[in-house]
Amino acid sequence: MKLREKYPWASDHHRVGTASARGEYTWAAPCSHPAVWSVLVTSTSGDSWWAACADHAATSTVLSPDSTS
């Protein structure tokens, strides 16, 4: 996976009716924190938007590659 875009969370980045569009965390492991980032990642299966909390985004090598090396 590779990060393509990272913005403060906004429902406009997510498909209507999804958990990420409601501001629920959808990146990686289950988490009870609210989403603060909308992230677009690319992988072998294509591009997809996810919602990430501050803690997971800060520790993810995909979402914060410069701060986790």
Protein backbone atom coordinates (compact mmCIF):
# COMPACT_ATOMS: atom_id res chain seq x y z
CA MET A 1 0.00 0.00 0.00
CA LYS A 2 1.05 3.54 -0.67
CA LEU A 3 -0.43 6.80 0.53
CA ARG A 4 -1.72 9.00 -2.29
CA GLU A 5 -3.63 11.72 -0.39
CA LYS A 6 -4.21 12.67 3.26
CA TYR A 7 -6.67 15.34 4.37
CA PRO A 8 -8.45 16.28 7.57
CA TRP A 9 -11.49 13.98 7.68
CA ALA A 10 -14.40 15.07 5.49
CA SER A 11 -17.39 12.97 4.47
CA ASP A 12 -17.02 14.22 0.87
CA HIS A 13 -14.05 11.87 0.42
CA HIS A 14 -16.03 8.74 1.30
CA ARG A 15 -18.84 6.79 -0.36
CA VAL A 16 -22.26 7.74 1.05
CA GLY A 17 -23.58 5.33 3.66
CA THR A 18 -20.20 3.88 4.66
CA ALA A 19 -18.69 3.85 8.13
CA SER A 20 -15.89 6.16 6.96
CA ALA A 21 -18.45 8.65 5.61
CA ARG A 22 -20.01 8.73 9.09
CA GLY A 23 -16.63 9.59 10.62
CA GLU A 24 -16.02 6.13 12.00
CA TYR A 25 -12.51 4.75 12.02
CA THR A 26 -11.91 2.22 9.20
CA TRP A 27 -8.11 2.02 8.87
CA ALA A 28 -6.36 -1.19 10.06
CA ALA A 29 -7.33 -2.75 13.41
CA PRO A 30 -10.63 -1.97 15.17
CA CYS A 31 -10.50 1.30 17.07
CA SER A 32 -13.00 3.30 19.11
CA HIS A 33 -11.44 6.70 18.30
CA PRO A 34 -13.18 9.01 15.82
CA ALA A 35 -11.71 9.57 12.40
CA VAL A 36 -9.59 12.69 12.00
CA TRP A 37 -8.01 11.88 8.62
CA SER A 38 -9.40 10.93 5.22
CA VAL A 39 -6.70 8.96 3.44
CA LEU A 40 -6.54 7.69 -0.12
CA VAL A 41 -4.27 4.70 -0.52
CA THR A 42 -3.36 2.67 -3.56
CA SER A 43 -2.69 -1.05 -3.60
CA THR A 44 -2.70 -3.91 -6.08
CA SER A 45 -6.50 -3.94 -5.86
CA GLY A 46 -6.81 -0.22 -6.69
CA ASP A 47 -7.42 3.05 -4.87
CA SER A 48 -9.60 3.36 -1.78
CA TRP A 49 -10.50 5.98 0.82
CA TRP A 50 -10.20 5.15 4.52
CA ALA A 51 -10.87 7.04 7.74
CA ALA A 52 -8.06 7.06 10.29
CA CYS A 53 -7.77 8.25 13.88
CA ALA A 54 -4.88 10.47 14.94
CA ASP A 55 -3.05 7.74 16.90
CA HIS A 56 -3.11 5.13 14.15
CA ALA A 57 -2.24 7.64 11.43
CA ALA A 58 0.77 8.83 13.43
CA THR A 59 2.13 5.31 13.92
CA SER A 60 1.34 3.91 10.48
CA THR A 61 4.26 3.51 8.08
CA VAL A 62 1.75 3.94 5.24
CA LEU A 63 -0.09 7.04 6.53
CA SER A 64 2.90 8.85 8.06
CA PRO A 65 5.97 7.45 6.32
CA ASP A 66 8.26 10.35 7.27
CA SER A 67 7.54 10.18 10.99
CA THR A 68 7.75 6.42 11.51
CA SER A 69 11.15 5.59 10.04
